[in-house]
Amino acid sequence: GVETPVLVVDLAALKRNIEAMATAAKSAGIALRPHAKTHKSPDIAALQVNAGAKGIACATIVEAEMLAATGIGGLLLTAPQFGDSRFLRIARIDRERGLTVVVDH
C-alpha cells in the first residue's frame, strides 16, 4: 500500500497539460509564470520552465529558496515581505537565481 498523504501523478497527462498551457501562452503572445503553490515541486517547476515558462511564481520565501536551490530561475515572490532576515534571504536568492518581489504601496 501507499502511505498517505501522497501525490500520485499521471506523468504523461502532466506533460501534455504543461505543453498545452505553454503552447496556448506562446500563441497568445504572453509570458507564462506558473505558480509553485499548487505543486511545490522542483521537478514539476523544471518541466514548466523547460516547456517555455518565463519562470515560477512563489507564495513564500521558503518556496523560492527551495526552487532556487534546485536551479530554477526567474522566480517571482507574489507577496510583499518585511523584516531584515527576509530581506537578506531575498537578496541571496536574487544573487543566486534572480528574484522579483511584488510590493504594495
N, C-alpha and C. Protein backbone atom coordinates (compact mmCIF):
# COMPACT_ATOMS: atom_id res chain seq x y z
N GLY A 1 0.81 -1.18 0.00
CA GLY A 1 0.00 0.00 0.00
C GLY A 1 0.86 1.26 0.00
N VAL A 2 0.24 2.34 -0.30
CA VAL A 2 0.88 3.65 -0.33
C VAL A 2 0.48 4.43 0.91
N GLU A 3 1.47 4.97 1.61
CA GLU A 3 1.16 5.79 2.77
C GLU A 3 0.66 7.15 2.31
N THR A 4 -0.34 7.65 2.99
CA THR A 4 -0.89 8.97 2.65
C THR A 4 -0.50 9.98 3.71
N PRO A 5 -0.45 11.25 3.41
CA PRO A 5 -0.76 11.82 2.10
C PRO A 5 0.38 11.57 1.11
N VAL A 6 0.01 11.42 -0.14
CA VAL A 6 0.99 11.20 -1.20
C VAL A 6 0.46 11.82 -2.49
N LEU A 7 1.36 12.33 -3.28
CA LEU A 7 0.98 12.86 -4.59
C LEU A 7 1.17 11.77 -5.62
N VAL A 8 0.11 11.45 -6.33
CA VAL A 8 0.19 10.47 -7.40
C VAL A 8 -0.10 11.23 -8.70
N VAL A 9 0.83 11.17 -9.64
CA VAL A 9 0.73 11.96 -10.86
C VAL A 9 0.79 11.05 -12.08
N ASP A 10 -0.11 11.29 -13.01
CA ASP A 10 -0.04 10.66 -14.32
C ASP A 10 0.94 11.52 -15.12
N LEU A 11 2.19 11.07 -15.22
CA LEU A 11 3.26 11.88 -15.81
C LEU A 11 2.96 12.26 -17.25
N ALA A 12 2.42 11.35 -18.01
CA ALA A 12 2.09 11.66 -19.41
C ALA A 12 1.04 12.77 -19.49
N ALA A 13 0.02 12.70 -18.65
CA ALA A 13 -1.02 13.73 -18.64
C ALA A 13 -0.44 15.07 -18.15
N LEU A 14 0.40 15.02 -17.13
CA LEU A 14 1.04 16.23 -16.62
C LEU A 14 1.84 16.91 -17.73
N LYS A 15 2.65 16.15 -18.44
CA LYS A 15 3.47 16.72 -19.51
C LYS A 15 2.59 17.28 -20.63
N ARG A 16 1.51 16.58 -20.98
CA ARG A 16 0.59 17.09 -22.01
C ARG A 16 -0.03 18.42 -21.57
N ASN A 17 -0.44 18.49 -20.32
CA ASN A 17 -1.06 19.72 -19.82
C ASN A 17 -0.07 20.88 -19.78
N ILE A 18 1.15 20.60 -19.35
CA ILE A 18 2.19 21.64 -19.32
C ILE A 18 2.47 22.14 -20.74
N GLU A 19 2.61 21.23 -21.68
CA GLU A 19 2.86 21.61 -23.08
C GLU A 19 1.68 22.40 -23.65
N ALA A 20 0.46 21.97 -23.35
CA ALA A 20 -0.73 22.67 -23.86
C ALA A 20 -0.79 24.10 -23.33
N MET A 21 -0.48 24.27 -22.06
CA MET A 21 -0.51 25.61 -21.47
C MET A 21 0.60 26.47 -22.06
N ALA A 22 1.78 25.90 -22.23
CA ALA A 22 2.90 26.64 -22.82
C ALA A 22 2.58 27.06 -24.25
N THR A 23 1.98 26.17 -25.00
CA THR A 23 1.60 26.47 -26.38
C THR A 23 0.54 27.57 -26.43
N ALA A 24 -0.45 27.49 -25.56
CA ALA A 24 -1.51 28.50 -25.52
C ALA A 24 -0.93 29.87 -25.16
N ALA A 25 -0.04 29.91 -24.19
CA ALA A 25 0.57 31.18 -23.80
C ALA A 25 1.40 31.75 -24.94
N LYS A 26 2.20 30.91 -25.56
CA LYS A 26 3.05 31.36 -26.67
C LYS A 26 2.19 31.87 -27.82
N SER A 27 1.12 31.16 -28.16
CA SER A 27 0.22 31.57 -29.24
C SER A 27 -0.44 32.91 -28.94
N ALA A 28 -0.70 33.18 -27.67
CA ALA A 28 -1.33 34.43 -27.26
C ALA A 28 -0.32 35.55 -27.08
N GLY A 29 0.96 35.22 -27.19
CA GLY A 29 2.00 36.24 -27.03
C GLY A 29 2.21 36.69 -25.61
N ILE A 30 1.94 35.80 -24.66
CA ILE A 30 2.13 36.17 -23.25
C ILE A 30 3.18 35.26 -22.62
N ALA A 31 3.86 35.82 -21.64
CA ALA A 31 4.87 35.07 -20.90
C ALA A 31 4.17 34.36 -19.75
N LEU A 32 4.38 33.07 -19.65
CA LEU A 32 3.74 32.26 -18.62
C LEU A 32 4.67 32.11 -17.42
N ARG A 33 4.13 32.34 -16.24
CA ARG A 33 4.88 32.14 -15.00
C ARG A 33 3.96 31.39 -14.04
N PRO A 34 3.90 30.04 -14.16
CA PRO A 34 3.00 29.26 -13.29
C PRO A 34 3.36 29.40 -11.81
N HIS A 35 2.39 29.14 -10.97
CA HIS A 35 2.57 29.28 -9.53
C HIS A 35 2.97 27.95 -8.90
N ALA A 36 4.01 27.97 -8.09
CA ALA A 36 4.50 26.76 -7.42
C ALA A 36 3.62 26.33 -6.26
N LYS A 37 2.74 27.21 -5.78
CA LYS A 37 1.95 26.85 -4.60
C LYS A 37 1.04 25.67 -4.86
N THR A 38 0.75 25.39 -6.13
CA THR A 38 -0.12 24.27 -6.41
C THR A 38 0.60 22.93 -6.35
N HIS A 39 1.88 22.90 -6.69
CA HIS A 39 2.59 21.62 -6.70
C HIS A 39 3.77 21.55 -5.74
N LYS A 40 4.38 22.68 -5.42
CA LYS A 40 5.53 22.73 -4.51
C LYS A 40 6.60 21.70 -4.88
N SER A 41 6.83 21.55 -6.18
CA SER A 41 7.75 20.52 -6.67
C SER A 41 8.78 21.11 -7.62
N PRO A 42 10.07 21.01 -7.26
CA PRO A 42 11.10 21.46 -8.19
C PRO A 42 11.09 20.69 -9.51
N ASP A 43 10.72 19.42 -9.46
CA ASP A 43 10.68 18.62 -10.69
C ASP A 43 9.60 19.12 -11.63
N ILE A 44 8.43 19.43 -11.09
CA ILE A 44 7.35 19.94 -11.93
C ILE A 44 7.69 21.35 -12.41
N ALA A 45 8.28 22.17 -11.55
CA ALA A 45 8.71 23.51 -11.97
C ALA A 45 9.70 23.43 -13.12
N ALA A 46 10.62 22.48 -13.05
CA ALA A 46 11.60 22.31 -14.13
C ALA A 46 10.91 21.93 -15.43
N LEU A 47 9.91 21.06 -15.36
CA LEU A 47 9.15 20.71 -16.56
C LEU A 47 8.48 21.95 -17.15
N GLN A 48 7.93 22.79 -16.29
CA GLN A 48 7.26 24.00 -16.75
C GLN A 48 8.24 24.97 -17.41
N VAL A 49 9.39 25.17 -16.79
CA VAL A 49 10.40 26.07 -17.35
C VAL A 49 10.95 25.50 -18.66
N ASN A 50 11.21 24.22 -18.68
CA ASN A 50 11.72 23.58 -19.90
C ASN A 50 10.72 23.65 -21.05
N ALA A 51 9.43 23.76 -20.72
CA ALA A 51 8.39 23.88 -21.75
C ALA A 51 8.23 25.32 -22.22
N GLY A 52 8.93 26.25 -21.58
CA GLY A 52 8.88 27.63 -22.04
C GLY A 52 8.39 28.65 -21.04
N ALA A 53 8.07 28.24 -19.82
CA ALA A 53 7.64 29.21 -18.81
C ALA A 53 8.76 30.21 -18.55
N LYS A 54 8.39 31.48 -18.39
CA LYS A 54 9.36 32.54 -18.11
C LYS A 54 10.04 32.34 -16.77
N GLY A 55 9.35 31.71 -15.86
CA GLY A 55 9.83 31.47 -14.51
C GLY A 55 8.71 30.86 -13.70
N ILE A 56 8.86 30.92 -12.40
CA ILE A 56 7.88 30.32 -11.50
C ILE A 56 7.51 31.34 -10.42
N ALA A 57 6.22 31.47 -10.16
CA ALA A 57 5.75 32.32 -9.07
C ALA A 57 5.76 31.52 -7.77
N CYS A 58 6.08 32.20 -6.69
CA CYS A 58 6.15 31.57 -5.37
C CYS A 58 5.35 32.40 -4.37
N ALA A 59 4.66 31.71 -3.47
CA ALA A 59 3.88 32.40 -2.44
C ALA A 59 4.74 32.75 -1.23
N THR A 60 5.81 31.98 -1.00
CA THR A 60 6.61 32.17 0.21
C THR A 60 8.10 32.18 -0.12
N ILE A 61 8.87 32.74 0.80
CA ILE A 61 10.33 32.71 0.64
C ILE A 61 10.83 31.27 0.66
N VAL A 62 10.23 30.43 1.47
CA VAL A 62 10.66 29.02 1.53
C VAL A 62 10.50 28.35 0.17
N GLU A 63 9.38 28.60 -0.52
CA GLU A 63 9.20 28.05 -1.86
C GLU A 63 10.28 28.57 -2.80
N ALA A 64 10.54 29.87 -2.75
CA ALA A 64 11.57 30.46 -3.62
C ALA A 64 12.94 29.88 -3.31
N GLU A 65 13.27 29.71 -2.05
CA GLU A 65 14.56 29.13 -1.67
C GLU A 65 14.68 27.70 -2.18
N MET A 66 13.61 26.92 -2.03
CA MET A 66 13.62 25.53 -2.47
C MET A 66 13.85 25.44 -3.98
N LEU A 67 13.14 26.27 -4.74
CA LEU A 67 13.28 26.22 -6.19
C LEU A 67 14.65 26.74 -6.63
N ALA A 68 15.12 27.81 -6.01
CA ALA A 68 16.44 28.35 -6.36
C ALA A 68 17.53 27.32 -6.07
N ALA A 69 17.40 26.61 -4.97
CA ALA A 69 18.41 25.60 -4.61
C ALA A 69 18.49 24.47 -5.62
N THR A 70 17.43 24.27 -6.38
CA THR A 70 17.44 23.20 -7.38
C THR A 70 17.69 23.73 -8.78
N GLY A 71 18.06 25.03 -8.88
CA GLY A 71 18.45 25.59 -10.16
C GLY A 71 17.38 26.32 -10.93
N ILE A 72 16.20 26.47 -10.35
CA ILE A 72 15.13 27.18 -11.04
C ILE A 72 15.36 28.68 -10.90
N GLY A 73 15.28 29.39 -12.01
CA GLY A 73 15.45 30.84 -12.00
C GLY A 73 14.17 31.53 -12.42
N GLY A 74 14.25 32.85 -12.59
CA GLY A 74 13.08 33.61 -13.00
C GLY A 74 11.97 33.56 -11.98
N LEU A 75 12.33 33.62 -10.72
CA LEU A 75 11.35 33.47 -9.65
C LEU A 75 10.66 34.80 -9.34
N LEU A 76 9.39 34.71 -8.97
CA LEU A 76 8.59 35.86 -8.58
C LEU A 76 7.96 35.55 -7.23
N LEU A 77 8.26 36.37 -6.24
CA LEU A 77 7.65 36.23 -4.91
C LEU A 77 6.41 37.11 -4.90
N THR A 78 5.23 36.50 -4.75
CA THR A 78 3.97 37.17 -5.01
C THR A 78 3.40 37.95 -3.83
N ALA A 79 4.02 37.90 -2.69
CA ALA A 79 3.51 38.63 -1.52
C ALA A 79 4.59 39.58 -1.00
N PRO A 80 4.21 40.80 -0.64
CA PRO A 80 5.19 41.73 -0.06
C PRO A 80 5.83 41.13 1.18
N GLN A 81 7.08 41.47 1.42
CA GLN A 81 7.84 40.91 2.53
C GLN A 81 8.37 42.03 3.42
N PHE A 82 8.52 41.73 4.69
CA PHE A 82 9.02 42.72 5.64
C PHE A 82 9.99 42.05 6.60
N GLY A 83 11.00 42.80 7.03
CA GLY A 83 11.93 42.33 8.04
C GLY A 83 13.30 42.05 7.48
N ASP A 84 14.31 42.41 8.27
CA ASP A 84 15.70 42.28 7.84
C ASP A 84 16.07 40.85 7.45
N SER A 85 15.63 39.86 8.23
CA SER A 85 16.01 38.48 7.92
C SER A 85 15.41 38.05 6.58
N ARG A 86 14.20 38.47 6.30
CA ARG A 86 13.59 38.13 5.00
C ARG A 86 14.31 38.86 3.86
N PHE A 87 14.67 40.12 4.08
CA PHE A 87 15.36 40.88 3.04
C PHE A 87 16.70 40.23 2.71
N LEU A 88 17.40 39.73 3.71
CA LEU A 88 18.68 39.04 3.47
C LEU A 88 18.47 37.77 2.66
N ARG A 89 17.43 37.02 2.98
CA ARG A 89 17.13 35.79 2.23
C ARG A 89 16.75 36.13 0.78
N ILE A 90 15.96 37.19 0.61
CA ILE A 90 15.57 37.62 -0.73
C ILE A 90 16.80 38.02 -1.54
N ALA A 91 17.70 38.78 -0.94
CA ALA A 91 18.92 39.20 -1.63
C ALA A 91 19.76 38.00 -2.04
N ARG A 92 19.85 36.99 -1.18
CA ARG A 92 20.63 35.79 -1.52
C ARG A 92 20.01 35.05 -2.71
N ILE A 93 18.70 34.88 -2.69
CA ILE A 93 18.03 34.21 -3.81
C ILE A 93 18.24 35.01 -5.09
N ASP A 94 18.12 36.32 -5.01
CA ASP A 94 18.28 37.17 -6.19
C ASP A 94 19.69 37.03 -6.76
N ARG A 95 20.69 37.03 -5.91
CA ARG A 95 22.07 36.85 -6.38
C ARG A 95 22.27 35.50 -7.05
N GLU A 96 21.67 34.46 -6.48
CA GLU A 96 21.88 33.10 -6.98
C GLU A 96 21.09 32.80 -8.25
N ARG A 97 19.82 33.21 -8.32
CA ARG A 97 18.96 32.78 -9.43
C ARG A 97 18.13 33.88 -10.05
N GLY A 98 18.05 35.02 -9.39
CA GLY A 98 17.17 36.09 -9.86
C GLY A 98 15.81 35.97 -9.21
N LEU A 99 15.36 37.05 -8.60
CA LEU A 99 14.09 37.05 -7.88
C LEU A 99 13.45 38.41 -8.00
N THR A 100 12.19 38.42 -8.40
CA THR A 100 11.39 39.64 -8.42
C THR A 100 10.40 39.53 -7.27
N VAL A 101 10.18 40.64 -6.57
CA VAL A 101 9.29 40.64 -5.42
C VAL A 101 8.17 41.65 -5.65
N VAL A 102 6.94 41.22 -5.44
CA VAL A 102 5.79 42.10 -5.53
C VAL A 102 5.79 43.00 -4.31
N VAL A 103 5.53 44.27 -4.53
CA VAL A 103 5.41 45.23 -3.42
C VAL A 103 4.09 45.97 -3.55
N ASP A 104 3.68 46.58 -2.46
CA ASP A 104 2.44 47.33 -2.45
C ASP A 104 2.75 48.67 -1.80
N HIS A 105 2.00 49.66 -2.14
CA HIS A 105 2.19 50.98 -1.55
C HIS A 105 1.50 51.06 -0.21
